């Protein structure tokens, strides 16, 4: 299709002018409907709400509108996590910069997390961990050399996907011993790149009791430094009683929430 200019001898409003795709501002392109994450039953840790001390050290990440519990530095994080200029948590390779939401889950049966991350080297290592207090097993999501992996410490279940881009959404879901994983770049559709595992009753038993949720690390223990990578964790959405990847309706709500996060502050 060509875009030859057409001249008229009258003034017309700018809004009625048709432009070539190269001239359309990026923010004018909206992938789909958007809705505030709270309206989609999600707890939203917005990058702009991460609080720091005068030196830029991350000290508290309270969720939007007071819906949910705050995240605070994990015990090995000794003033390591920094605030990104555009919002979010900067994590460094081999350094514990993690945050934790204590008692984020109780007797978890269904939950899901969506992480908006910038991973320039595609080696973010641990993105998020759900760590039960009364069990040795835990579930974690990691990126290692361009590959995303969702698995439990006991290696009962494991899912893998290729990292779609350096800037991406990664979503993990859990439902009664079954795990799900998807990842997209930009404003992609989550259902187009989605994998599910079989059900494991052993994993389901591991999720009973209270669980802490860690951002950027595995636990309060110092752990192995190779599990700590380089990334900026921009936003986290958390559903404590819903696996958004278990149904088309859940995926639709997930996409609405993520579109809102992408366009926050934009009137589009």
C-alpha atoms as a PDB file:
ATOM      1  CA  UNK A   1       0.000   0.000   0.000  1.00  0.00           C
ATOM      2  CA  UNK A   2       1.376   3.421  -0.931  1.00  0.00           C
ATOM      3  CA  UNK A   3       0.944   6.566   1.121  1.00  0.00           C
ATOM      4  CA  UNK A   4       0.949   9.333  -1.489  1.00  0.00           C
ATOM      5  CA  UNK A   5       0.126  12.802  -0.099  1.00  0.00           C
ATOM      6  CA  UNK A   6      -3.229  14.355  -0.924  1.00  0.00           C
ATOM      7  CA  UNK A   7      -3.560  18.123  -0.746  1.00  0.00           C
ATOM      8  CA  UNK A   8      -6.754  20.033   0.079  1.00  0.00           C
ATOM      9  CA  UNK A   9      -7.248  23.781   0.262  1.00  0.00           C
ATOM     10  CA  UNK A  10      -8.808  23.770   3.748  1.00  0.00           C
ATOM     11  CA  UNK A  11      -7.563  23.356   7.293  1.00  0.00           C
ATOM     12  CA  UNK A  12      -8.524  20.053   8.944  1.00  0.00           C
ATOM     13  CA  UNK A  13      -8.042  18.838  12.535  1.00  0.00           C
ATOM     14  CA  UNK A  14      -4.887  16.816  13.135  1.00  0.00           C
ATOM     15  CA  UNK A  15      -6.973  13.961  14.550  1.00  0.00           C
ATOM     16  CA  UNK A  16      -8.530  13.152  11.172  1.00  0.00           C
ATOM     17  CA  UNK A  17      -5.217  12.864   9.350  1.00  0.00           C
ATOM     18  CA  UNK A  18      -4.203   9.348   8.336  1.00  0.00           C
ATOM     19  CA  UNK A  19      -0.513   8.666   8.827  1.00  0.00           C
ATOM     20  CA  UNK A  20       1.810   5.979   7.603  1.00  0.00           C
ATOM     21  CA  UNK A  21       2.679   3.270  10.187  1.00  0.00           C
ATOM     22  CA  UNK A  22       6.176   4.734  10.628  1.00  0.00           C
ATOM     23  CA  UNK A  23       4.658   8.043  11.734  1.00  0.00           C
ATOM     24  CA  UNK A  24       2.271   6.613  14.342  1.00  0.00           C
ATOM     25  CA  UNK A  25       3.550   7.241  17.902  1.00  0.00           C
ATOM     26  CA  UNK A  26       4.262   4.024  19.772  1.00  0.00           C
ATOM     27  CA  UNK A  27       1.887   4.911  22.615  1.00  0.00           C
ATOM     28  CA  UNK A  28      -0.995   5.225  20.158  1.00  0.00           C
ATOM     29  CA  UNK A  29      -0.829   1.493  19.452  1.00  0.00           C
ATOM     30  CA  UNK A  30      -2.810  -0.356  22.118  1.00  0.00           C
ATOM     31  CA  UNK A  31      -2.751  -4.149  22.013  1.00  0.00           C
ATOM     32  CA  UNK A  32      -6.061  -4.691  23.789  1.00  0.00           C
ATOM     33  CA  UNK A  33      -8.378  -3.622  26.603  1.00  0.00           C
ATOM     34  CA  UNK A  34      -6.858  -2.609  29.911  1.00  0.00           C
ATOM     35  CA  UNK A  35      -8.100  -2.720  33.491  1.00  0.00           C
ATOM     36  CA  UNK A  36      -6.486  -1.807  36.803  1.00  0.00           C
ATOM     37  CA  UNK A  37      -4.861  -4.951  38.260  1.00  0.00           C
ATOM     38  CA  UNK A  38      -6.897  -4.619  41.487  1.00  0.00           C
ATOM     39  CA  UNK A  39     -10.063  -4.822  39.372  1.00  0.00           C
ATOM     40  CA  UNK A  40      -8.673  -8.076  37.973  1.00  0.00           C
ATOM     41  CA  UNK A  41      -8.199  -9.405  41.549  1.00  0.00           C
ATOM     42  CA  UNK A  42      -4.414  -8.930  41.423  1.00  0.00           C
ATOM     43  CA  UNK A  43      -2.048  -7.464  43.974  1.00  0.00           C
ATOM     44  CA  UNK A  44       0.186  -5.006  42.117  1.00  0.00           C
ATOM     45  CA  UNK A  45       3.729  -4.145  43.119  1.00  0.00           C
ATOM     46  CA  UNK A  46       4.272  -1.170  40.812  1.00  0.00           C
ATOM     47  CA  UNK A  47       7.836  -0.193  40.019  1.00  0.00           C
ATOM     48  CA  UNK A  48       7.119   3.467  40.737  1.00  0.00           C
ATOM     49  CA  UNK A  49       5.986   2.573  44.282  1.00  0.00           C
ATOM     50  CA  UNK A  50       9.239   0.910  45.352  1.00  0.00           C
ATOM     51  CA  UNK A  51      10.588   3.027  48.208  1.00  0.00           C
ATOM     52  CA  UNK A  52      14.233   3.647  48.976  1.00  0.00           C
ATOM     53  CA  UNK A  53      16.459   5.470  51.440  1.00  0.00           C
ATOM     54  CA  UNK A  54      18.402   8.654  50.549  1.00  0.00           C
ATOM     55  CA  UNK A  55      21.120   6.505  48.973  1.00  0.00           C
ATOM     56  CA  UNK A  56      18.665   4.824  46.603  1.00  0.00           C
ATOM     57  CA  UNK A  57      18.651   1.514  48.471  1.00  0.00           C
ATOM     58  CA  UNK A  58      15.328  -0.350  48.173  1.00  0.00           C
ATOM     59  CA  UNK A  59      13.736  -0.715  51.604  1.00  0.00           C
ATOM     60  CA  UNK A  60       9.999  -1.300  51.048  1.00  0.00           C
ATOM     61  CA  UNK A  61       7.707  -2.253  48.178  1.00  0.00           C
ATOM     62  CA  UNK A  62       4.094  -1.668  49.149  1.00  0.00           C
ATOM     63  CA  UNK A  63       1.379  -2.819  46.747  1.00  0.00           C
ATOM     64  CA  UNK A  64      -0.966  -0.341  45.110  1.00  0.00           C
ATOM     65  CA  UNK A  65      -3.973   0.894  47.106  1.00  0.00           C
ATOM     66  CA  UNK A  66      -2.855  -1.069  50.168  1.00  0.00           C
ATOM     67  CA  UNK A  67      -4.164  -4.314  48.646  1.00  0.00           C
ATOM     68  CA  UNK A  68      -1.722  -6.968  49.838  1.00  0.00           C
ATOM     69  CA  UNK A  69       1.343  -7.199  52.066  1.00  0.00           C
ATOM     70  CA  UNK A  70       4.566  -5.202  51.553  1.00  0.00           C
ATOM     71  CA  UNK A  71       7.839  -6.664  50.328  1.00  0.00           C
ATOM     72  CA  UNK A  72      10.965  -5.908  52.342  1.00  0.00           C
ATOM     73  CA  UNK A  73      14.647  -6.868  51.913  1.00  0.00           C
ATOM     74  CA  UNK A  74      15.522 -10.523  52.466  1.00  0.00           C
ATOM     75  CA  UNK A  75      18.004 -11.220  55.260  1.00  0.00           C
ATOM     76  CA  UNK A  76      21.072 -11.616  52.988  1.00  0.00           C
ATOM     77  CA  UNK A  77      20.198  -8.381  51.165  1.00  0.00           C
ATOM     78  CA  UNK A  78      22.363  -5.957  53.085  1.00  0.00           C
ATOM     79  CA  UNK A  79      21.498  -2.693  51.281  1.00  0.00           C
ATOM     80  CA  UNK A  80      22.252  -4.288  47.904  1.00  0.00           C
ATOM     81  CA  UNK A  81      18.983  -3.749  46.023  1.00  0.00           C
ATOM     82  CA  UNK A  82      18.790  -0.377  44.283  1.00  0.00           C
ATOM     83  CA  UNK A  83      15.961   1.688  42.830  1.00  0.00           C
ATOM     84  CA  UNK A  84      15.914   1.968  39.049  1.00  0.00           C
ATOM     85  CA  UNK A  85      15.570   5.463  37.595  1.00  0.00           C
ATOM     86  CA  UNK A  86      12.332   4.563  35.815  1.00  0.00           C
ATOM     87  CA  UNK A  87      11.021   2.465  38.721  1.00  0.00           C
ATOM     88  CA  UNK A  88      11.652  -1.064  39.856  1.00  0.00           C
ATOM     89  CA  UNK A  89      14.333  -3.099  41.587  1.00  0.00           C
ATOM     90  CA  UNK A  90      17.854  -3.387  40.181  1.00  0.00           C
ATOM     91  CA  UNK A  91      19.425  -6.789  40.853  1.00  0.00           C
ATOM     92  CA  UNK A  92      23.116  -7.543  40.364  1.00  0.00           C
ATOM     93  CA  UNK A  93      24.739 -10.796  39.311  1.00  0.00           C
ATOM     94  CA  UNK A  94      26.055 -12.806  42.255  1.00  0.00           C
ATOM     95  CA  UNK A  95      24.693 -10.346  44.827  1.00  0.00           C
ATOM     96  CA  UNK A  96      21.563 -10.877  46.944  1.00  0.00           C
ATOM     97  CA  UNK A  97      19.300  -7.915  46.170  1.00  0.00           C
ATOM     98  CA  UNK A  98      16.076  -9.810  46.893  1.00  0.00           C
ATOM     99  CA  UNK A  99      12.853  -8.788  48.581  1.00  0.00           C
ATOM    100  CA  UNK A 100      10.358 -10.962  50.423  1.00  0.00           C
ATOM    101  CA  UNK A 101       6.627 -10.888  51.119  1.00  0.00           C
ATOM    102  CA  UNK A 102       6.296 -12.769  54.387  1.00  0.00           C
ATOM    103  CA  UNK A 103       3.314 -15.171  54.640  1.00  0.00           C
ATOM    104  CA  UNK A 104       2.111 -14.233  51.162  1.00  0.00           C
ATOM    105  CA  UNK A 105       0.190 -17.518  50.872  1.00  0.00           C
ATOM    106  CA  UNK A 106      -1.626 -19.829  53.274  1.00  0.00           C
ATOM    107  CA  UNK A 107      -2.374 -23.418  52.177  1.00  0.00           C
ATOM    108  CA  UNK A 108      -1.967 -22.411  48.566  1.00  0.00           C
ATOM    109  CA  UNK A 109      -4.158 -24.270  46.096  1.00  0.00           C
ATOM    110  CA  UNK A 110      -4.265 -21.785  43.215  1.00  0.00           C
ATOM    111  CA  UNK A 111      -2.025 -18.774  42.568  1.00  0.00           C
ATOM    112  CA  UNK A 112      -0.175 -16.972  39.792  1.00  0.00           C
ATOM    113  CA  UNK A 113       2.479 -14.305  39.356  1.00  0.00           C
ATOM    114  CA  UNK A 114       3.231 -12.043  36.399  1.00  0.00           C
ATOM    115  CA  UNK A 115       6.669 -10.434  36.360  1.00  0.00           C
ATOM    116  CA  UNK A 116       7.604  -7.529  34.112  1.00  0.00           C
ATOM    117  CA  UNK A 117      11.363  -7.609  33.763  1.00  0.00           C
ATOM    118  CA  UNK A 118      14.245  -6.125  31.831  1.00  0.00           C
ATOM    119  CA  UNK A 119      16.990  -8.695  31.432  1.00  0.00           C
ATOM    120  CA  UNK A 120      19.599  -7.250  29.048  1.00  0.00           C
ATOM    121  CA  UNK A 121      21.867 -10.313  29.210  1.00  0.00           C
ATOM    122  CA  UNK A 122      18.890 -12.713  29.370  1.00  0.00           C
ATOM    123  CA  UNK A 123      20.467 -14.184  32.484  1.00  0.00           C
ATOM    124  CA  UNK A 124      18.260 -12.839  35.288  1.00  0.00           C
ATOM    125  CA  UNK A 125      18.609 -16.099  37.241  1.00  0.00           C
ATOM    126  CA  UNK A 126      15.999 -16.245  40.042  1.00  0.00           C
ATOM    127  CA  UNK A 127      12.957 -14.128  39.205  1.00  0.00           C
ATOM    128  CA  UNK A 128      10.512 -15.250  41.881  1.00  0.00           C
ATOM    129  CA  UNK A 129      10.226 -18.027  44.461  1.00  0.00           C
ATOM    130  CA  UNK A 130       7.302 -19.383  46.477  1.00  0.00           C
ATOM    131  CA  UNK A 131       8.933 -20.906  49.560  1.00  0.00           C
ATOM    132  CA  UNK A 132       6.759 -22.819  52.074  1.00  0.00           C
ATOM    133  CA  UNK A 133       7.773 -22.385  55.700  1.00  0.00           C
ATOM    134  CA  UNK A 134       7.095 -25.973  56.781  1.00  0.00           C
ATOM    135  CA  UNK A 135       8.630 -27.880  53.857  1.00  0.00           C
ATOM    136  CA  UNK A 136      12.086 -28.236  52.345  1.00  0.00           C
ATOM    137  CA  UNK A 137      10.707 -28.048  48.802  1.00  0.00           C
ATOM    138  CA  UNK A 138       9.927 -24.757  47.038  1.00  0.00           C
ATOM    139  CA  UNK A 139       8.836 -23.542  43.599  1.00  0.00           C
ATOM    140  CA  UNK A 140      10.980 -21.074  41.666  1.00  0.00           C
ATOM    141  CA  UNK A 141      11.094 -19.318  38.305  1.00  0.00           C
ATOM    142  CA  UNK A 142      14.472 -18.524  36.774  1.00  0.00           C
ATOM    143  CA  UNK A 143      16.121 -17.317  33.575  1.00  0.00           C
ATOM    144  CA  UNK A 144      19.465 -18.838  32.696  1.00  0.00           C
ATOM    145  CA  UNK A 145      21.330 -18.070  29.447  1.00  0.00           C
ATOM    146  CA  UNK A 146      18.190 -17.177  27.536  1.00  0.00           C
ATOM    147  CA  UNK A 147      16.057 -20.026  28.865  1.00  0.00           C
ATOM    148  CA  UNK A 148      13.165 -19.660  31.327  1.00  0.00           C
ATOM    149  CA  UNK A 149      12.571 -22.525  33.750  1.00  0.00           C
ATOM    150  CA  UNK A 150       9.796 -23.089  36.285  1.00  0.00           C
ATOM    151  CA  UNK A 151      10.474 -26.000  38.628  1.00  0.00           C
ATOM    152  CA  UNK A 152      10.515 -27.096  42.253  1.00  0.00           C
ATOM    153  CA  UNK A 153      13.669 -27.704  44.265  1.00  0.00           C
ATOM    154  CA  UNK A 154      12.927 -31.448  44.438  1.00  0.00           C
ATOM    155  CA  UNK A 155      12.694 -31.532  40.612  1.00  0.00           C
ATOM    156  CA  UNK A 156       9.238 -33.071  40.740  1.00  0.00           C
ATOM    157  CA  UNK A 157       7.994 -30.928  37.843  1.00  0.00           C
ATOM    158  CA  UNK A 158       9.768 -28.693  35.341  1.00  0.00           C
ATOM    159  CA  UNK A 159       8.716 -26.424  32.462  1.00  0.00           C
ATOM    160  CA  UNK A 160      10.959 -24.561  30.020  1.00  0.00           C
ATOM    161  CA  UNK A 161      10.535 -21.752  27.497  1.00  0.00           C
ATOM    162  CA  UNK A 162      12.968 -19.690  25.453  1.00  0.00           C
ATOM    163  CA  UNK A 163      13.146 -16.101  26.730  1.00  0.00           C
ATOM    164  CA  UNK A 164      11.255 -14.059  24.104  1.00  0.00           C
ATOM    165  CA  UNK A 165      13.183 -10.780  24.560  1.00  0.00           C
ATOM    166  CA  UNK A 166      15.339  -8.754  26.908  1.00  0.00           C
ATOM    167  CA  UNK A 167      12.202  -6.840  27.973  1.00  0.00           C
ATOM    168  CA  UNK A 168       9.340  -9.217  28.696  1.00  0.00           C
ATOM    169  CA  UNK A 169       6.462 -10.440  30.811  1.00  0.00           C
ATOM    170  CA  UNK A 170       6.938 -13.845  32.443  1.00  0.00           C
ATOM    171  CA  UNK A 171       3.949 -15.554  34.090  1.00  0.00           C
ATOM    172  CA  UNK A 172       3.860 -18.616  36.323  1.00  0.00           C
ATOM    173  CA  UNK A 173       0.714 -20.378  37.472  1.00  0.00           C
ATOM    174  CA  UNK A 174       0.012 -23.047  40.093  1.00  0.00           C
ATOM    175  CA  UNK A 175      -3.140 -25.095  40.561  1.00  0.00           C
ATOM    176  CA  UNK A 176      -3.362 -28.131  42.881  1.00  0.00           C
ATOM    177  CA  UNK A 177       0.052 -29.590  42.057  1.00  0.00           C
ATOM    178  CA  UNK A 178       0.091 -28.451  38.429  1.00  0.00           C
ATOM    179  CA  UNK A 179       2.347 -25.664  37.144  1.00  0.00           C
ATOM    180  CA  UNK A 180       2.042 -23.452  34.050  1.00  0.00           C
ATOM    181  CA  UNK A 181       4.407 -21.030  32.348  1.00  0.00           C
ATOM    182  CA  UNK A 182       4.213 -18.395  29.626  1.00  0.00           C
ATOM    183  CA  UNK A 183       6.287 -15.418  28.499  1.00  0.00           C
ATOM    184  CA  UNK A 184       5.832 -12.669  25.925  1.00  0.00           C
ATOM    185  CA  UNK A 185       7.699  -9.617  24.719  1.00  0.00           C
ATOM    186  CA  UNK A 186       5.973  -6.247  24.513  1.00  0.00           C
ATOM    187  CA  UNK A 187       2.210  -6.526  24.398  1.00  0.00           C
ATOM    188  CA  UNK A 188       2.033 -10.102  23.129  1.00  0.00           C
ATOM    189  CA  UNK A 189      -0.757 -12.578  23.796  1.00  0.00           C
ATOM    190  CA  UNK A 190      -0.001 -14.903  26.707  1.00  0.00           C
ATOM    191  CA  UNK A 191      -2.043 -17.778  25.354  1.00  0.00           C
ATOM    192  CA  UNK A 192       0.147 -18.053  22.260  1.00  0.00           C
ATOM    193  CA  UNK A 193       3.158 -19.348  24.211  1.00  0.00           C
ATOM    194  CA  UNK A 194       1.822 -21.378  27.112  1.00  0.00           C
ATOM    195  CA  UNK A 195       2.919 -24.715  28.583  1.00  0.00           C
ATOM    196  CA  UNK A 196       1.385 -26.841  31.372  1.00  0.00           C
ATOM    197  CA  UNK A 197       2.745 -29.703  33.444  1.00  0.00           C
ATOM    198  CA  UNK A 198       0.977 -32.848  34.682  1.00  0.00           C
ATOM    199  CA  UNK A 199      -0.321 -32.900  38.264  1.00  0.00           C
ATOM    200  CA  UNK A 200       1.994 -33.877  41.116  1.00  0.00           C
ATOM    201  CA  UNK A 201       0.401 -34.634  44.487  1.00  0.00           C
ATOM    202  CA  UNK A 202       3.891 -34.493  46.030  1.00  0.00           C
ATOM    203  CA  UNK A 203       4.212 -30.880  44.927  1.00  0.00           C
ATOM    204  CA  UNK A 204       0.677 -30.160  46.130  1.00  0.00           C
ATOM    205  CA  UNK A 205       1.616 -31.452  49.584  1.00  0.00           C
ATOM    206  CA  UNK A 206       4.689 -29.188  49.558  1.00  0.00           C
ATOM    207  CA  UNK A 207       2.499 -26.121  49.098  1.00  0.00           C
ATOM    208  CA  UNK A 208       0.480 -26.695  52.274  1.00  0.00           C
ATOM    209  CA  UNK A 209       0.941 -24.253  55.158  1.00  0.00           C
ATOM    210  CA  UNK A 210       2.220 -20.695  54.888  1.00  0.00           C
ATOM    211  CA  UNK A 211       4.603 -19.627  52.127  1.00  0.00           C
ATOM    212  CA  UNK A 212       6.818 -16.593  51.672  1.00  0.00           C
ATOM    213  CA  UNK A 213       7.222 -15.070  48.227  1.00  0.00           C
ATOM    214  CA  UNK A 214      10.708 -13.874  47.250  1.00  0.00           C
ATOM    215  CA  UNK A 215      11.538 -11.435  44.447  1.00  0.00           C
ATOM    216  CA  UNK A 216      14.996 -11.924  42.939  1.00  0.00           C
ATOM    217  CA  UNK A 217      16.211 -14.683  45.300  1.00  0.00           C
ATOM    218  CA  UNK A 218      15.266 -18.105  46.704  1.00  0.00           C
ATOM    219  CA  UNK A 219      15.058 -17.684  50.486  1.00  0.00           C
ATOM    220  CA  UNK A 220      16.437 -15.954  53.577  1.00  0.00           C
ATOM    221  CA  UNK A 221      19.533 -18.153  53.403  1.00  0.00           C
ATOM    222  CA  UNK A 222      22.576 -16.762  51.636  1.00  0.00           C
ATOM    223  CA  UNK A 223      22.389 -19.630  49.197  1.00  0.00           C
ATOM    224  CA  UNK A 224      24.400 -20.198  46.051  1.00  0.00           C
ATOM    225  CA  UNK A 225      25.504 -16.988  44.345  1.00  0.00           C
ATOM    226  CA  UNK A 226      24.973 -18.445  40.872  1.00  0.00           C
ATOM    227  CA  UNK A 227      21.198 -18.300  41.496  1.00  0.00           C
ATOM    228  CA  UNK A 228      21.406 -14.466  41.601  1.00  0.00           C
ATOM    229  CA  UNK A 229      21.481 -12.694  38.252  1.00  0.00           C
ATOM    230  CA  UNK A 230      21.316  -9.292  36.572  1.00  0.00           C
ATOM    231  CA  UNK A 231      17.956  -7.668  35.851  1.00  0.00           C
ATOM    232  CA  UNK A 232      15.553  -4.843  36.629  1.00  0.00           C
ATOM    233  CA  UNK A 233      12.326  -6.119  38.138  1.00  0.00           C
ATOM    234  CA  UNK A 234       9.826  -3.500  36.974  1.00  0.00           C
ATOM    235  CA  UNK A 235       6.423  -4.743  38.161  1.00  0.00           C
ATOM    236  CA  UNK A 236       4.971  -7.802  39.863  1.00  0.00           C
ATOM    237  CA  UNK A 237       1.316  -8.875  39.725  1.00  0.00           C
ATOM    238  CA  UNK A 238       0.228 -11.538  42.193  1.00  0.00           C
ATOM    239  CA  UNK A 239      -3.013 -13.518  42.413  1.00  0.00           C
ATOM    240  CA  UNK A 240      -3.012 -15.410  45.740  1.00  0.00           C
ATOM    241  CA  UNK A 241      -6.147 -17.466  45.000  1.00  0.00           C
ATOM    242  CA  UNK A 242      -6.271 -17.764  41.215  1.00  0.00           C
ATOM    243  CA  UNK A 243      -4.247 -19.484  38.511  1.00  0.00           C
ATOM    244  CA  UNK A 244      -4.721 -17.093  35.611  1.00  0.00           C
ATOM    245  CA  UNK A 245      -3.179 -19.583  33.184  1.00  0.00           C
ATOM    246  CA  UNK A 246      -5.720 -22.294  33.938  1.00  0.00           C
ATOM    247  CA  UNK A 247      -8.561 -20.846  31.829  1.00  0.00           C
ATOM    248  CA  UNK A 248      -9.262 -18.541  28.895  1.00  0.00           C
ATOM    249  CA  UNK A 249     -11.112 -16.196  31.242  1.00  0.00           C
ATOM    250  CA  UNK A 250      -8.094 -16.053  33.538  1.00  0.00           C
ATOM    251  CA  UNK A 251      -5.731 -15.305  30.645  1.00  0.00           C
ATOM    252  CA  UNK A 252      -8.064 -12.523  29.471  1.00  0.00           C
ATOM    253  CA  UNK A 253      -7.996 -10.911  32.920  1.00  0.00           C
ATOM    254  CA  UNK A 254      -4.221 -11.300  33.050  1.00  0.00           C
ATOM    255  CA  UNK A 255      -3.835  -9.509  29.720  1.00  0.00           C
ATOM    256  CA  UNK A 256      -6.126  -6.664  30.796  1.00  0.00           C
ATOM    257  CA  UNK A 257      -4.083  -6.133  33.956  1.00  0.00           C
ATOM    258  CA  UNK A 258      -0.755  -6.232  32.110  1.00  0.00           C
ATOM    259  CA  UNK A 259      -1.951  -3.800  29.451  1.00  0.00           C
ATOM    260  CA  UNK A 260      -2.884  -1.364  32.228  1.00  0.00           C
ATOM    261  CA  UNK A 261       0.563  -1.693  33.784  1.00  0.00           C
ATOM    262  CA  UNK A 262       2.237  -1.050  30.414  1.00  0.00           C
ATOM    263  CA  UNK A 263       0.134   2.058  29.786  1.00  0.00           C
ATOM    264  CA  UNK A 264       0.094   3.488  33.327  1.00  0.00           C
ATOM    265  CA  UNK A 265       0.111   7.254  33.129  1.00  0.00           C
ATOM    266  CA  UNK A 266      -0.939   7.103  29.484  1.00  0.00           C
ATOM    267  CA  UNK A 267      -4.405   8.342  28.561  1.00  0.00           C
ATOM    268  CA  UNK A 268      -4.645   5.903  25.639  1.00  0.00           C
END
